[in-house]
Amino acid sequence: MVLLTLAGDECRSALSSLRGGASPVTAIVSTCPVVPLELMRSLVGSGPALFRAIIPLGTAPCEGVVALAPEPGTDAEVVERVRASLAPIGAIEMVSEEALDAVAAVGLGGAGFVCTALEGLEEGAVREGLPRHTARAFTYQTALASALLLRDHPGSPADLKDQVASPGGTTIVALAALEDAGVRGAFLRAVQRSAVKVRARRDAARPGMIE
């Protein structure tokens, strides 16, 4: 298996260099979110099996989640071989190529969204009198503990939210303020806009559409 973890132009150049030199038993996996399978095939030519994957940033061995999209018609045995090769990273989610746009928005850009939320929590704690280093420590620990709880939880994040929001309590009052500010909808729109941008860049790179 050849794993290409390169950006757009570098990825295209690497694929072109493999043209005619990759055997039919070779599987090429690209992690570039804006180079579609159609373009990969036009660059590398016939022969190797082609895959696209999204591997979120900063994943530790065996703790990540990989989205994997094979070229339509790829032999099932080759798909399983690639799955086994990527398994040390973590869980493998088989998706369509179109679904990779949303995966890229959440898995690659989502860190920026989460950091924005954490910045707000830290600033709020400082506003209420905590020293910044103390506010930051509690903010990071809260994020880490929540992530670990949710990782092993089969349901929705709303389940955990409901567990910590007792009737008439301080958390539900704060959640109401977030709802008034449209925070949940803002995150929804952020993912949507990011996915649309990835999709537009991917579509622009299709063969015959490169400027």
Protein backbone atom coordinates (compact mmCIF):
# COMPACT_ATOMS: atom_id res chain seq x y z
CA MET A 1 0.00 0.00 0.00
CA VAL A 2 1.21 3.50 -0.88
CA LEU A 3 -0.06 6.19 1.51
CA LEU A 4 0.11 9.73 0.16
CA THR A 5 -0.19 12.39 2.86
CA LEU A 6 0.46 15.35 0.60
CA ALA A 7 -1.31 18.62 -0.23
CA GLY A 8 -3.02 19.29 -3.54
CA ASP A 9 -0.20 20.10 -5.99
CA GLU A 10 2.26 17.75 -4.30
CA CYS A 11 -0.32 14.97 -4.29
CA ARG A 12 -1.03 15.44 -7.99
CA SER A 13 2.69 15.42 -8.77
CA ALA A 14 3.25 12.23 -6.77
CA LEU A 15 0.34 10.50 -8.51
CA SER A 16 1.71 11.47 -11.92
CA SER A 17 5.11 10.04 -10.98
CA LEU A 18 3.45 6.70 -10.20
CA ARG A 19 1.85 6.49 -13.64
CA GLY A 20 2.89 3.27 -15.34
CA GLY A 21 5.00 2.20 -12.38
CA ALA A 22 2.34 0.89 -9.99
CA SER A 23 1.26 -2.71 -10.41
CA PRO A 24 -2.39 -3.88 -10.27
CA VAL A 25 -1.77 -5.35 -6.81
CA THR A 26 -0.74 -1.94 -5.45
CA ALA A 27 -3.25 0.13 -3.48
CA ILE A 28 -2.76 3.90 -3.43
CA VAL A 29 -4.42 5.81 -0.57
CA SER A 30 -4.51 9.61 -0.69
CA THR A 31 -5.40 11.75 2.32
CA CYS A 32 -5.72 14.97 0.30
CA PRO A 33 -9.31 16.21 0.78
CA VAL A 34 -9.46 18.11 -2.53
CA VAL A 35 -8.08 15.54 -5.01
CA PRO A 36 -11.01 13.34 -6.10
CA LEU A 37 -10.76 9.71 -7.16
CA GLU A 38 -11.59 10.66 -10.72
CA LEU A 39 -8.54 12.93 -10.90
CA MET A 40 -6.38 10.36 -9.14
CA ARG A 41 -7.27 7.81 -11.81
CA SER A 42 -6.56 10.21 -14.66
CA LEU A 43 -3.13 10.97 -13.20
CA VAL A 44 -1.97 7.50 -12.23
CA GLY A 45 -3.53 5.60 -15.13
CA SER A 46 -4.91 2.08 -15.08
CA GLY A 47 -3.64 -0.58 -12.74
CA PRO A 48 -3.51 0.20 -9.02
CA ALA A 49 -6.51 0.28 -6.71
CA LEU A 50 -7.32 3.81 -5.55
CA PHE A 51 -8.63 5.03 -2.22
CA ARG A 52 -9.20 8.33 -0.49
CA ALA A 53 -8.99 8.66 3.26
CA ILE A 54 -9.42 11.34 5.89
CA ILE A 55 -7.23 10.86 8.96
CA PRO A 56 -8.03 13.50 11.62
CA LEU A 57 -5.09 15.47 12.95
CA GLY A 58 -3.33 14.44 16.13
CA THR A 59 -4.75 10.93 16.45
CA ALA A 60 -2.72 8.62 18.67
CA PRO A 61 -2.06 5.01 17.57
CA CYS A 62 -5.16 2.81 17.89
CA GLU A 63 -7.26 5.78 19.12
CA GLY A 64 -8.13 7.50 15.86
CA VAL A 65 -10.96 7.17 13.39
CA VAL A 66 -10.22 6.91 9.68
CA ALA A 67 -12.78 7.55 6.94
CA LEU A 68 -11.96 5.38 3.92
CA ALA A 69 -13.55 5.64 0.47
CA PRO A 70 -12.54 3.13 -2.23
CA GLU A 71 -12.97 3.77 -5.92
CA PRO A 72 -16.27 2.19 -7.04
CA GLY A 73 -15.76 -1.37 -8.20
CA THR A 74 -12.65 -2.00 -6.09
CA ASP A 75 -12.18 -5.67 -5.28
CA ALA A 76 -13.41 -6.56 -1.78
CA GLU A 77 -10.19 -8.37 -0.98
CA VAL A 78 -8.15 -5.25 -1.74
CA VAL A 79 -10.49 -3.15 0.42
CA GLU A 80 -9.97 -5.52 3.34
CA ARG A 81 -6.22 -5.45 2.84
CA VAL A 82 -6.19 -1.64 3.00
CA ARG A 83 -8.47 -1.68 6.04
CA ALA A 84 -6.03 -4.02 7.81
CA SER A 85 -3.08 -1.78 6.90
CA LEU A 86 -4.79 1.30 8.38
CA ALA A 87 -6.17 -0.50 11.45
CA PRO A 88 -3.20 0.47 13.70
CA ILE A 89 -4.44 4.07 13.47
CA GLY A 90 -7.83 3.15 14.94
CA ALA A 91 -11.39 2.43 13.82
CA ILE A 92 -12.04 2.41 10.07
CA GLU A 93 -15.30 3.92 8.81
CA MET A 94 -16.15 2.98 5.22
CA VAL A 95 -17.88 5.94 3.52
CA SER A 96 -18.68 7.19 0.04
CA GLU A 97 -16.37 9.72 -1.57
CA GLU A 98 -19.09 12.38 -1.26
CA ALA A 99 -19.24 11.85 2.52
CA LEU A 100 -15.54 12.70 2.85
CA ASP A 101 -16.37 16.41 2.51
CA ALA A 102 -18.27 16.36 5.80
CA VAL A 103 -15.58 14.21 7.39
CA ALA A 104 -12.94 16.75 6.39
CA ALA A 105 -15.04 19.59 7.80
CA VAL A 106 -15.38 17.89 11.20
CA GLY A 107 -12.19 15.82 11.40
CA LEU A 108 -9.75 18.39 10.04
CA GLY A 109 -11.42 21.74 10.66
CA GLY A 110 -13.30 20.73 13.79
CA ALA A 111 -10.29 21.34 16.00
CA GLY A 112 -10.62 25.03 15.19
CA PHE A 113 -14.32 24.98 16.10
CA VAL A 114 -13.64 23.24 19.42
CA CYS A 115 -10.77 25.58 20.26
CA THR A 116 -13.07 28.56 19.69
CA ALA A 117 -15.54 27.11 22.19
CA LEU A 118 -12.77 26.40 24.71
CA GLU A 119 -11.46 29.94 24.33
CA GLY A 120 -14.90 31.22 25.26
CA LEU A 121 -15.06 28.98 28.34
CA GLU A 122 -11.63 30.14 29.46
CA GLU A 123 -12.50 33.80 28.96
CA GLY A 124 -15.73 33.33 30.89
CA ALA A 125 -13.89 31.82 33.84
CA VAL A 126 -11.36 34.66 33.80
CA ARG A 127 -14.24 37.15 33.68
CA GLU A 128 -15.58 35.59 36.86
CA GLY A 129 -12.29 35.99 38.70
CA LEU A 130 -10.17 32.88 38.03
CA PRO A 131 -6.49 33.41 37.19
CA ARG A 132 -5.95 32.58 33.53
CA HIS A 133 -3.70 29.57 34.16
CA THR A 134 -6.32 28.12 36.52
CA ALA A 135 -9.16 28.82 34.10
CA ARG A 136 -7.19 27.16 31.31
CA ALA A 137 -6.43 24.08 33.40
CA PHE A 138 -10.09 23.53 34.24
CA THR A 139 -11.20 24.26 30.67
CA TYR A 140 -8.78 21.72 29.18
CA GLN A 141 -9.62 19.08 31.77
CA THR A 142 -13.34 19.53 31.19
CA ALA A 143 -12.83 19.09 27.45
CA LEU A 144 -10.66 16.00 27.95
CA ALA A 145 -13.02 14.35 30.42
CA SER A 146 -16.02 15.04 28.17
CA ALA A 147 -14.24 13.58 25.14
CA LEU A 148 -13.27 10.42 27.03
CA LEU A 149 -16.83 9.95 28.28
CA LEU A 150 -18.30 10.44 24.83
CA ARG A 151 -15.76 8.16 23.13
CA ASP A 152 -17.20 5.11 24.87
CA HIS A 153 -20.81 6.32 24.78
CA PRO A 154 -22.93 4.86 21.95
CA GLY A 155 -25.55 7.60 22.06
CA SER A 156 -25.70 11.32 21.40
CA PRO A 157 -23.75 14.08 23.16
CA ALA A 158 -27.19 15.30 24.22
CA ASP A 159 -27.33 12.33 26.62
CA LEU A 160 -24.33 13.58 28.59
CA LYS A 161 -25.66 17.14 28.44
CA ASP A 162 -28.98 16.00 29.94
CA GLN A 163 -27.19 14.11 32.73
CA VAL A 164 -25.37 17.22 33.95
CA ALA A 165 -28.30 19.62 33.47
CA SER A 166 -30.51 19.10 36.51
CA PRO A 167 -33.95 20.80 36.55
CA GLY A 168 -33.68 24.42 37.63
CA GLY A 169 -29.92 24.11 38.10
CA THR A 170 -26.99 26.28 37.10
CA THR A 171 -26.10 24.25 34.00
CA ILE A 172 -29.55 24.41 32.42
CA VAL A 173 -29.60 28.16 32.93
CA ALA A 174 -26.27 28.45 31.14
CA LEU A 175 -27.45 26.14 28.36
CA ALA A 176 -30.47 28.38 27.85
CA ALA A 177 -28.09 31.31 27.32
CA LEU A 178 -26.22 29.31 24.66
CA GLU A 179 -29.48 28.45 22.94
CA ASP A 180 -30.48 32.14 22.99
CA ALA A 181 -27.18 32.95 21.28
CA GLY A 182 -27.73 30.28 18.63
CA VAL A 183 -24.47 28.50 19.44
CA ARG A 184 -25.61 25.05 18.36
CA GLY A 185 -26.88 26.38 15.04
CA ALA A 186 -23.64 28.30 14.53
CA PHE A 187 -21.62 25.09 14.85
CA LEU A 188 -23.99 23.38 12.43
CA ARG A 189 -23.52 26.14 9.87
CA ALA A 190 -19.74 26.14 10.40
CA VAL A 191 -19.51 22.45 9.49
CA GLN A 192 -21.86 22.96 6.54
CA ARG A 193 -19.90 25.89 5.13
CA SER A 194 -16.59 24.07 5.57
CA ALA A 195 -17.92 20.99 3.78
CA VAL A 196 -19.29 23.12 0.93
CA LYS A 197 -15.87 24.78 0.55
CA VAL A 198 -14.09 21.41 0.45
CA ARG A 199 -16.63 20.12 -2.08
CA ALA A 200 -16.15 23.16 -4.32
CA ARG A 201 -12.37 22.76 -4.31
CA ARG A 202 -12.69 19.04 -5.01
CA ASP A 203 -15.11 19.57 -7.89
CA ALA A 204 -12.88 22.26 -9.37
CA ALA A 205 -10.03 19.73 -9.49
CA ARG A 206 -11.92 17.17 -11.56
CA PRO A 207 -10.38 16.32 -14.95
CA GLY A 208 -11.30 18.91 -17.56
CA MET A 209 -12.07 21.55 -14.91
CA ILE A 210 -8.56 22.48 -13.77
CA GLU A 211 -7.88 26.13 -14.54
